[in-house]
Protein backbone atom coordinates (compact mmCIF):
# COMPACT_ATOMS: atom_id res chain seq x y z
CA MET A 1 55.56 72.50 -67.86
CA ALA A 2 55.07 68.85 -67.24
CA TYR A 3 56.40 69.24 -63.71
CA THR A 4 53.92 71.95 -62.90
CA GLN A 5 51.01 69.83 -64.11
CA LEU A 6 51.95 66.69 -62.16
CA GLU A 7 52.47 68.42 -58.85
CA PRO A 8 48.81 69.17 -58.11
CA ILE A 9 47.90 65.60 -59.05
CA ASN A 10 50.46 64.16 -56.68
CA LYS A 11 49.24 66.42 -53.96
CA GLY A 12 45.71 65.36 -54.63
CA VAL A 13 46.60 61.65 -54.39
CA LEU A 14 48.48 62.11 -51.15
CA ALA A 15 45.62 64.13 -49.76
CA ARG A 16 43.15 61.40 -50.56
CA LEU A 17 45.31 58.72 -48.93
CA THR A 18 45.75 60.88 -45.88
CA ASP A 19 42.04 61.59 -45.79
CA CYS A 20 41.24 57.85 -45.93
CA LEU A 21 43.55 57.08 -43.01
CA LEU A 22 42.32 59.98 -40.96
CA CYS A 23 38.72 59.05 -41.74
CA ARG A 24 39.08 55.56 -40.27
CA TRP A 25 40.69 56.94 -37.13
CA SER A 26 38.20 59.72 -36.72
CA CYS A 27 35.24 57.41 -37.35
CA ARG A 28 36.20 55.08 -34.50
CA SER A 29 36.95 57.95 -32.14
CA CYS A 30 33.69 59.62 -33.04
CA LEU A 31 31.68 56.57 -32.25
CA LEU A 32 33.41 56.13 -28.93
CA TRP A 33 32.87 59.77 -28.16
CA CYS A 34 29.18 59.53 -28.99
CA TRP A 35 28.77 56.41 -26.87
CA GLU A 36 30.42 58.03 -23.86
CA CYS A 37 28.30 61.13 -24.25
CA CYS A 38 25.01 59.29 -24.53
CA PHE A 39 25.74 56.56 -21.97
CA PRO A 40 28.09 57.70 -19.24
CA PRO A 41 29.88 54.84 -17.40
CA SER A 42 28.30 53.61 -14.14
CA ASP A 43 29.09 51.04 -11.51
CA GLU A 44 25.88 49.13 -12.10
CA GLU A 45 26.14 45.84 -13.94
CA VAL A 46 24.34 45.52 -17.25
CA GLU A 47 22.24 42.36 -17.67
CA ILE A 48 22.06 41.04 -21.21
CA LEU A 49 18.62 39.61 -21.73
CA GLY A 50 19.21 38.09 -25.12
CA PRO A 51 20.85 38.44 -28.55
CA PHE A 52 20.52 41.69 -30.45
CA PRO A 53 20.34 42.18 -34.23
CA ALA A 54 23.66 42.58 -36.03
CA GLN A 55 22.67 45.84 -37.75
CA THR A 56 23.73 49.21 -36.44
CA PRO A 57 21.12 50.67 -34.08
CA SER A 58 19.14 53.41 -35.71
CA TRP A 59 19.11 55.54 -32.57
CA LEU A 60 22.91 55.60 -32.53
CA VAL A 61 23.18 56.83 -36.13
CA ASN A 62 20.45 59.44 -35.79
CA GLU A 63 21.79 60.89 -32.56
CA CYS A 64 25.34 61.14 -33.92
CA VAL A 65 24.18 62.85 -37.12
CA ASP A 66 21.89 65.26 -35.36
CA GLU A 67 24.46 66.20 -32.76
CA LYS A 68 27.30 66.78 -35.25
CA ASP A 69 25.04 68.65 -37.64
CA THR A 70 24.12 71.06 -34.92
CA TYR A 71 27.79 71.73 -34.21
CA THR A 72 28.94 72.21 -37.82
CA GLY A 73 25.77 73.38 -39.54
CA VAL A 74 26.73 71.35 -42.65
CA THR A 75 24.60 68.51 -44.01
CA HIS A 76 25.67 65.44 -45.83
CA VAL A 77 24.56 66.88 -49.12
CA ASP A 78 26.73 69.95 -48.62
CA ALA A 79 29.73 67.81 -47.86
CA MET A 80 29.28 65.75 -51.00
CA ALA A 81 28.83 68.87 -53.08
CA ILE A 82 32.33 70.23 -52.26
CA PRO A 83 34.67 69.59 -55.20
CA GLN A 84 37.77 67.61 -54.50
CA ASP A 85 39.98 70.00 -56.44
CA SER A 86 39.26 72.79 -54.00
CA ILE A 87 40.76 70.85 -51.10
CA PRO A 88 43.95 72.57 -50.00
CA THR A 89 47.23 70.69 -49.77
CA ARG A 90 47.50 71.23 -46.04
CA ARG A 91 45.81 68.96 -43.54
CA ARG A 92 42.12 69.30 -43.20
CA SER A 93 40.66 70.99 -40.22
CA SER A 94 38.77 69.14 -37.47
CA SER A 95 35.44 70.24 -38.91
CA GLU A 96 36.26 68.68 -42.26
CA MET A 97 37.37 65.49 -40.57
CA SER A 98 34.11 65.28 -38.65
CA ARG A 99 32.15 65.92 -41.82
CA SER A 100 33.82 63.07 -43.64
CA THR A 101 33.26 60.77 -40.68
CA PHE A 102 29.55 61.46 -40.55
CA SER A 103 29.24 61.03 -44.28
CA LEU A 104 30.71 57.54 -43.93
CA VAL A 105 28.23 56.76 -41.16
CA GLN A 106 25.37 57.96 -43.35
CA GLN A 107 26.49 55.72 -46.20
CA LEU A 108 26.71 52.69 -43.92
CA SER A 109 23.25 53.34 -42.58
CA SER A 110 21.83 53.75 -46.07
CA LEU A 111 23.35 50.40 -47.08
CA ASP A 112 21.89 48.70 -44.06
CA ALA A 113 18.53 50.20 -44.80
CA ARG A 114 18.59 48.73 -48.31
CA ARG A 115 19.25 45.19 -47.00
CA PRO A 116 16.32 42.99 -46.05
CA SER A 117 15.66 43.51 -42.41
CA SER A 118 16.88 40.68 -40.19
CA PRO A 119 14.18 38.98 -38.07
CA LEU A 120 13.74 40.55 -34.68
CA VAL A 121 14.32 38.31 -31.70
CA ASP A 122 11.54 38.43 -29.16
CA VAL A 123 13.24 38.00 -25.81
CA LYS A 124 10.06 38.31 -23.83
CA PRO A 125 9.04 34.64 -23.99
CA ILE A 126 12.51 33.56 -22.83
CA GLU A 127 11.88 32.77 -19.17
CA PHE A 128 15.15 32.92 -17.31
CA TRP A 129 13.39 32.33 -14.00
CA ALA A 130 12.30 28.79 -15.01
CA MET A 131 15.41 27.31 -13.43
CA GLY A 132 14.51 28.71 -10.02
CA PRO A 133 12.45 27.01 -7.30
CA ARG A 134 9.27 28.73 -8.41
CA LYS A 135 7.33 26.66 -10.91
CA GLU A 136 4.19 27.34 -12.81
CA VAL A 137 1.17 25.32 -11.73
CA ILE A 138 -0.13 23.21 -14.60
CA GLN A 139 -3.85 22.67 -14.52
CA PRO A 140 -4.92 19.13 -15.48
CA LEU A 141 -7.06 18.62 -18.48
CA ARG A 142 -10.67 17.98 -17.62
CA ARG A 143 -12.31 15.22 -19.53
CA PRO A 144 -15.80 15.85 -20.73
CA GLN A 145 -18.33 14.37 -18.34
CA PRO A 146 -20.93 11.98 -19.78
CA PRO A 147 -24.54 13.04 -19.68
CA ALA A 148 -26.46 12.38 -16.51
CA ASP A 149 -28.73 9.84 -18.20
CA ASP A 150 -25.80 7.70 -19.40
CA TYR A 151 -24.17 7.85 -15.97
CA PHE A 152 -27.21 6.55 -14.10
CA ARG A 153 -27.78 3.80 -16.66
CA LYS A 154 -24.45 2.22 -15.60
CA LEU A 155 -25.58 1.87 -11.98
CA GLU A 156 -27.04 -1.45 -10.87
CA PRO A 157 -29.96 -0.76 -8.51
CA ARG A 158 -29.87 -4.29 -7.09
CA LEU A 159 -26.50 -3.53 -5.49
CA TYR A 160 -28.06 -0.69 -3.50
CA SER A 161 -31.25 -2.42 -2.47
CA LEU A 162 -32.03 -3.51 1.08
CA ASP A 163 -31.95 -7.17 0.07
CA SER A 164 -28.28 -7.04 -0.95
CA SER A 165 -26.12 -9.58 0.86
CA GLY A 166 -23.25 -7.11 1.07
CA ASP A 167 -25.23 -4.66 3.18
CA ASP A 168 -23.47 -3.27 6.23
CA VAL A 169 -25.24 -4.58 9.31
CA ASP A 170 -23.59 -1.92 11.47
CA SER A 171 -26.01 0.67 10.08
CA LEU A 172 -29.05 -1.37 11.16
CA THR A 173 -30.69 -1.41 14.56
CA ASP A 174 -31.16 -4.57 16.61
CA GLU A 175 -34.86 -4.65 15.75
CA GLU A 176 -34.10 -4.47 12.01
CA ILE A 177 -31.42 -7.18 12.28
CA LEU A 178 -33.78 -9.45 14.24
CA LEU A 179 -36.59 -8.90 11.73
CA ARG A 180 -34.35 -9.57 8.75
CA TYR A 181 -32.33 -12.63 9.86
CA GLN A 182 -34.51 -14.04 12.68
CA LEU A 183 -31.57 -15.70 14.45
CA GLY A 184 -32.48 -14.68 17.98
CA MET A 185 -30.75 -12.46 20.55
CA LEU A 186 -27.93 -12.86 23.06
CA HIS A 187 -27.67 -11.33 26.54
CA PHE A 188 -24.15 -10.70 27.92
CA SER A 189 -22.11 -8.21 29.97
CA THR A 190 -18.50 -6.98 30.19
CA GLN A 191 -16.41 -5.16 32.79
CA TYR A 192 -12.70 -4.52 33.28
CA ASP A 193 -11.13 -5.08 36.72
CA LEU A 194 -8.41 -2.43 37.18
CA ILE A 195 -7.17 -3.97 40.46
CA ASN A 196 -6.56 -7.47 39.08
CA GLY A 197 -5.88 -6.37 35.48
CA HIS A 198 -8.26 -8.63 33.61
CA LEU A 199 -11.39 -8.35 31.45
CA GLY A 200 -14.49 -10.17 32.66
CA VAL A 201 -17.12 -11.44 30.21
CA ARG A 202 -20.42 -12.87 31.45
CA VAL A 203 -22.61 -14.89 29.08
CA ILE A 204 -26.12 -14.80 30.53
CA GLU A 205 -28.68 -16.23 28.11
CA ALA A 206 -29.99 -16.41 24.55
CA ARG A 207 -33.53 -16.10 23.26
CA ASP A 208 -35.52 -17.24 20.21
CA LEU A 209 -32.76 -19.28 18.55
CA PRO A 210 -33.81 -20.90 15.24
CA PRO A 211 -34.34 -24.69 15.15
CA PRO A 212 -31.76 -26.81 13.32
CA LEU A 213 -31.98 -27.64 9.62
CA THR A 214 -32.42 -31.07 8.10
CA CYS A 215 -30.44 -32.33 5.14
CA ASP A 216 -33.02 -31.10 2.62
CA GLY A 217 -32.97 -27.58 4.09
CA ALA A 218 -36.46 -27.66 5.60
CA ARG A 219 -36.86 -26.68 9.25
CA GLN A 220 -37.99 -29.26 11.76
CA ASP A 221 -40.71 -27.79 13.99
CA MET A 222 -40.30 -30.44 16.69
CA ALA A 223 -36.48 -30.45 16.77
CA HIS A 224 -34.38 -28.40 19.17
CA SER A 225 -30.82 -27.12 19.20
CA ASN A 226 -28.00 -27.92 21.59
CA PRO A 227 -26.39 -24.46 21.77
CA TYR A 228 -23.22 -23.22 23.39
CA VAL A 229 -21.31 -19.92 23.10
CA LYS A 230 -17.69 -19.45 22.01
CA ILE A 231 -15.95 -16.25 23.21
CA SER A 232 -12.93 -14.67 21.47
CA LEU A 233 -11.10 -11.35 21.61
CA LEU A 234 -10.25 -10.43 18.05
CA PRO A 235 -7.83 -10.45 16.36
CA ASP A 236 -6.81 -13.41 18.56
CA HIS A 237 -8.87 -16.44 17.52
CA LYS A 238 -6.73 -18.96 19.37
CA ASN A 239 -7.12 -17.84 22.98
CA SER A 240 -10.87 -18.45 23.14
CA ARG A 241 -13.33 -19.75 25.72
CA GLN A 242 -16.63 -21.58 25.43
CA THR A 243 -19.61 -22.30 27.61
CA GLY A 244 -21.18 -25.65 28.32
CA VAL A 245 -23.74 -27.17 25.97
CA LYS A 246 -27.41 -26.69 26.81
CA ARG A 247 -29.49 -29.63 25.67
CA LYS A 248 -32.56 -29.29 23.43
CA THR A 249 -33.53 -25.70 23.93
CA GLN A 250 -34.00 -22.56 21.85
CA ASN A 251 -33.85 -20.28 24.92
CA PRO A 252 -30.70 -21.42 26.78
CA VAL A 253 -29.60 -19.92 30.09
CA PHE A 254 -25.79 -20.09 30.47
CA GLU A 255 -24.82 -17.83 33.41
CA GLU A 256 -21.07 -18.41 32.99
CA ARG A 257 -18.18 -16.00 33.59
CA PHE A 258 -14.81 -15.86 31.81
CA THR A 259 -11.70 -13.75 32.37
CA PHE A 260 -9.01 -12.62 29.92
CA ASP A 261 -5.69 -11.40 31.33
CA LEU A 262 -4.60 -8.35 29.34
CA LEU A 263 -3.76 -4.69 29.88
CA PHE A 264 -6.47 -2.03 29.85
CA LEU A 265 -5.09 -0.24 26.79
CA GLU A 266 -4.83 -3.55 24.96
CA ALA A 267 -8.40 -4.44 25.89
CA GLN A 268 -9.65 -1.22 24.30
CA ARG A 269 -8.10 -2.29 20.97
CA ARG A 270 -9.87 -5.66 20.92
CA THR A 271 -13.27 -6.69 19.58
CA LEU A 272 -15.41 -9.10 21.61
CA LEU A 273 -16.77 -11.87 19.39
CA LEU A 274 -19.54 -14.14 20.71
CA SER A 275 -20.51 -17.05 18.45
CA VAL A 276 -23.56 -19.18 19.23
CA VAL A 277 -22.91 -22.74 18.01
CA ASP A 278 -25.26 -25.68 17.67
CA PHE A 279 -23.69 -28.90 19.00
CA ASP A 280 -24.22 -32.00 16.84
CA LYS A 281 -22.36 -35.14 17.79
CA PHE A 282 -23.01 -37.02 14.55
CA SER A 283 -22.21 -34.17 12.16
CA ARG A 284 -20.35 -30.90 12.09
CA HIS A 285 -21.09 -28.22 14.68
CA CYS A 286 -22.97 -25.36 13.01
CA VAL A 287 -22.65 -21.65 13.84
CA ILE A 288 -26.12 -20.20 14.42
CA GLY A 289 -25.05 -16.55 14.60
CA LYS A 290 -22.56 -14.13 16.08
CA VAL A 291 -22.28 -10.80 17.87
CA ALA A 292 -19.26 -8.48 17.51
CA LEU A 293 -18.74 -5.62 20.00
CA PRO A 294 -15.73 -3.26 19.65
CA LEU A 295 -14.56 -2.63 23.21
CA SER A 296 -13.40 0.89 22.33
CA GLU A 297 -17.06 1.92 22.05
CA VAL A 298 -18.01 0.95 25.62
CA ASP A 299 -17.01 2.02 29.12
CA LEU A 300 -15.05 -1.02 30.29
CA VAL A 301 -14.48 0.23 33.84
CA LYS A 302 -18.14 0.97 34.44
CA GLY A 303 -19.28 -2.12 32.52
CA GLY A 304 -22.71 -2.82 31.15
CA HIS A 305 -25.30 -5.34 29.94
CA TRP A 306 -26.40 -5.73 26.32
CA TRP A 307 -29.07 -7.53 24.35
CA LYS A 308 -27.71 -7.95 20.81
CA ALA A 309 -29.36 -9.52 17.79
CA LEU A 310 -27.41 -12.35 16.15
CA VAL A 311 -26.17 -11.88 12.60
CA PRO A 312 -25.13 -14.63 10.14
CA SER A 313 -21.53 -15.82 10.26
CA SER A 314 -19.35 -16.52 7.24
CA GLN A 315 -17.82 -19.39 9.20
CA ASN A 316 -20.15 -22.31 8.55
CA GLU A 317 -18.18 -24.71 10.76
CA VAL A 318 -16.31 -24.18 13.99
CA GLU A 319 -12.60 -24.84 14.24
CA LEU A 320 -11.52 -28.31 15.29
CA GLY A 321 -8.73 -27.14 17.59
CA GLU A 322 -4.93 -26.98 17.59
CA LEU A 323 -2.13 -29.39 18.45
CA LEU A 324 1.38 -28.51 19.65
CA LEU A 325 4.06 -30.98 18.47
CA SER A 326 7.84 -31.28 18.70
CA LEU A 327 9.88 -33.42 16.29
CA ASN A 328 13.53 -34.51 16.51
CA TYR A 329 15.58 -36.95 14.42
CA LEU A 330 18.86 -38.58 15.55
CA PRO A 331 20.71 -39.87 12.45
CA SER A 332 23.39 -41.76 14.40
CA ALA A 333 20.80 -43.81 16.29
CA GLY A 334 18.23 -43.86 13.48
CA ARG A 335 15.45 -42.69 15.82
CA LEU A 336 12.58 -40.28 15.12
CA ASN A 337 11.37 -38.73 18.39
CA VAL A 338 7.85 -37.24 18.63
CA ASP A 339 6.66 -35.09 21.57
CA ILE A 340 2.93 -34.40 21.93
CA ILE A 341 2.89 -31.39 24.25
CA ARG A 342 -0.68 -30.05 24.42
CA ALA A 343 -3.88 -29.22 22.54
CA LYS A 344 -6.32 -26.35 22.87
CA GLN A 345 -9.88 -25.48 21.91
CA LEU A 346 -10.67 -28.96 20.68
CA LEU A 347 -14.08 -29.67 19.26
CA GLN A 348 -16.38 -30.71 22.08
CA THR A 349 -17.72 -34.25 21.67
CA ASP A 350 -19.65 -34.69 24.93
CA MET A 351 -22.47 -32.34 25.93
CA CYS A 352 -22.29 -33.22 29.62
CA GLN A 353 -18.59 -33.36 30.47
CA GLY A 354 -16.96 -31.53 27.57
CA SER A 355 -14.59 -34.09 26.01
CA ASP A 356 -12.17 -36.86 26.93
CA PRO A 357 -9.56 -36.36 24.20
CA PHE A 358 -6.50 -38.45 23.35
CA VAL A 359 -4.05 -38.44 20.41
CA LYS A 360 -3.12 -41.39 18.20
CA VAL A 361 0.26 -41.29 16.39
CA GLN A 362 0.80 -43.60 13.39
CA LEU A 363 4.01 -44.11 11.36
CA VAL A 364 3.49 -44.73 7.63
CA THR A 365 6.45 -45.61 5.37
CA GLY A 366 5.51 -45.06 1.76
CA LEU A 367 1.90 -46.34 1.73
CA LYS A 368 2.30 -48.96 4.47
CA LEU A 369 1.27 -48.56 8.11
CA VAL A 370 4.26 -49.53 10.30
CA LYS A 371 3.52 -48.50 13.91
CA THR A 372 0.67 -47.06 16.03
CA LYS A 373 0.91 -45.39 19.45
CA LYS A 374 -1.44 -43.18 21.49
CA THR A 375 -1.42 -40.85 24.47
CA SER A 376 -3.38 -41.12 27.67
CA CYS A 377 -6.97 -39.83 27.83
CA MET A 378 -7.62 -36.48 29.52
CA LYS A 379 -11.02 -36.36 31.24
CA GLY A 380 -13.54 -33.56 30.85
CA THR A 381 -11.49 -30.92 29.01
CA ILE A 382 -10.99 -29.40 25.60
CA ASP A 383 -7.55 -27.94 26.48
CA PRO A 384 -5.54 -31.02 27.47
CA PHE A 385 -1.85 -31.13 28.50
CA TYR A 386 -0.08 -34.34 27.51
CA ASN A 387 3.73 -33.84 27.56
CA GLU A 388 4.27 -37.38 26.26
CA SER A 389 7.15 -38.61 24.06
CA PHE A 390 7.28 -41.41 21.49
CA SER A 391 10.22 -42.84 19.57
CA PHE A 392 10.12 -44.61 16.20
CA ARG A 393 12.97 -46.50 14.57
CA VAL A 394 13.55 -44.97 11.11
CA PRO A 395 16.78 -45.59 9.12
CA HIS A 396 18.29 -42.50 7.55
CA GLU A 397 17.74 -43.82 4.01
CA ASP A 398 13.98 -44.24 4.72
CA LEU A 399 13.46 -40.81 6.30
CA SER A 400 12.35 -39.18 3.03
CA GLU A 401 9.50 -41.73 2.66
CA VAL A 402 8.08 -41.39 6.19
CA SER A 403 4.71 -39.82 7.12
CA LEU A 404 3.40 -39.23 10.65
CA VAL A 405 -0.41 -39.23 11.06
CA PHE A 406 -1.75 -37.44 14.18
CA THR A 407 -5.45 -38.04 14.98
CA VAL A 408 -7.36 -36.59 17.94
CA TYR A 409 -10.31 -38.60 19.25
CA GLY A 410 -12.86 -38.08 21.98
CA HIS A 411 -13.15 -41.14 24.21
CA ASN A 412 -16.59 -42.72 24.32
CA MET A 413 -17.35 -45.71 26.56
CA LYS A 414 -20.74 -46.57 25.02
CA SER A 415 -19.76 -46.51 21.35
CA SER A 416 -16.80 -45.93 19.10
CA ASN A 417 -14.51 -43.00 19.79
CA ASP A 418 -15.53 -39.63 18.36
CA PHE A 419 -13.30 -38.21 15.65
CA VAL A 420 -12.11 -34.63 16.37
CA GLY A 421 -9.38 -33.79 13.84
CA ARG A 422 -6.26 -34.97 12.01
CA ILE A 423 -3.01 -33.78 10.39
CA VAL A 424 -0.25 -35.54 8.43
CA ILE A 425 3.43 -34.51 8.58
CA GLY A 426 6.10 -35.97 6.34
CA GLN A 427 6.20 -37.18 2.74
CA PHE A 428 2.42 -36.77 2.23
CA SER A 429 1.76 -33.67 4.34
CA THR A 430 -1.75 -32.20 4.51
CA GLY A 431 -0.79 -28.54 4.05
CA PRO A 432 1.94 -25.86 3.95
CA PRO A 433 2.35 -25.64 7.78
CA GLU A 434 2.94 -29.39 8.01
CA THR A 435 5.37 -29.32 5.07
CA SER A 436 7.30 -26.44 6.66
CA HIS A 437 7.61 -28.33 9.96
CA TRP A 438 8.99 -31.42 8.18
CA ARG A 439 11.53 -29.37 6.20
CA HIS A 440 12.79 -27.73 9.39
CA LEU A 441 13.22 -31.19 10.89
CA LEU A 442 15.34 -32.37 7.93
CA ALA A 443 17.42 -29.16 7.96
CA SER A 444 18.14 -29.17 11.71
CA GLN A 445 18.68 -32.75 12.78
CA ARG A 446 19.48 -33.50 16.43
CA THR A 447 17.55 -30.31 17.34
CA PRO A 448 13.88 -30.41 18.44
CA VAL A 449 11.53 -28.41 16.19
CA GLU A 450 8.28 -27.24 17.84
CA GLN A 451 5.18 -25.90 16.05
CA TRP A 452 1.40 -25.45 16.44
CA HIS A 453 -0.88 -27.16 13.89
CA SER A 454 -4.59 -26.63 13.15
CA LEU A 455 -6.56 -29.85 12.96
CA ARG A 456 -8.35 -30.76 9.73
CA SER A 457 -11.37 -32.89 8.93
CA ARG A 458 -11.08 -36.51 7.88
CA ALA A 459 -12.44 -35.80 4.40
CA GLU A 460 -9.92 -33.03 3.79
CA CYS A 461 -6.98 -35.21 4.91
CA ASP A 462 -8.12 -38.15 2.78
CA ARG A 463 -8.38 -35.87 -0.24
CA VAL A 464 -4.86 -34.41 -0.08
CA SER A 465 -2.79 -37.12 1.66
CA PRO A 466 -2.59 -40.81 0.61
CA ALA A 467 -1.14 -41.63 4.04
CA SER A 468 -4.44 -40.64 5.66
CA LEU A 469 -6.22 -43.34 3.68
CA GLU A 470 -3.95 -46.07 5.09
CA VAL A 471 -4.90 -45.49 8.73
CA THR A 472 -8.15 -46.00 10.60
């Protein structure tokens, strides 16, 4: 009797174990079968746009349940209502296996539904194209503009008035310039010679030049100027020309021609600068006014004549000229050799014959004048060629204390010589160019060092160089 009672129980236990194993196998196969039915395989690649939630998709559960329910006609409730004792000892049929599989799926979905829903990931803002060459244009932030009244209060009307010194004279006509500055007018002409390859400039005359000023700034009605014209082709200030001086007149007639050797294309890049200067032997030459004419704005081959009003010049004084020097030191012989080669565009000291310039060279050791030498005098020129050499005995141990003072004078037979300009090279140099020349001499002994120097006034040299105070 006991045997007959235990047999159904054992069969029931074995059936449940078998059912559990078969359920796991059938559940996996069912899911694969559903996936293959709903999404047949294709050769196209699937692009994953972002992470998906870990829960089972609802569409997968619903489609599997609906499809299997239509095949079997049995719901989940019917399957749970079948008593376990009525299960036969033999293996369950395929329909029963499917029913148990779907019941497990339903239970899993019900458990997932009871859990708090995981946050959904919005993959739309994830821009995978941001790494490409195409970039989004970022509009700059616009600052709020101040009111119109506040903006115009910041403007200074005096800067925009006609009396402003910074006004552009290029926008004014010759009549307006003449009325404003009252510096007179200049008559000149230009023409380029294609056959000979040079630019010709003719200075004809000037009209209504202002009289000179006295020391107190008041004009002298009875005084007259001694004008001359200086011609330059900017940006080259060095290669300039100048007319003769016309004595005591405010309406000088020059009628002088000058030529500049340069190519036609180069001439079109230059600006013709004509400066009218008042000659004063006993003081500094004063620039009355200037005229600037860009040669690119005129027909150089055809040429032309112009009357131009003079405008004020920022250069209150004319340049004193330049001096070309060569220095060489021989340490074995203890000799300092000085070559005075040439000078150009020296300040004119004689109204009739130009100038008669010569150069005085003075050796100063420490603050003591040791030796004085001078060149020959060149008659009637402001561009003299000297090519004269001088030698001074300087021991090597005294070289660091030596100063060379170069002074250009205009020879005058009736009175003392006229001072033109000066520079100092050596221990007490008068400027950076002179200091650079001396350093090159010390660095390259036995080798001549050549350099151009701009002459300075006596007052400037006395202010910066003690050696200038020791010479006459």
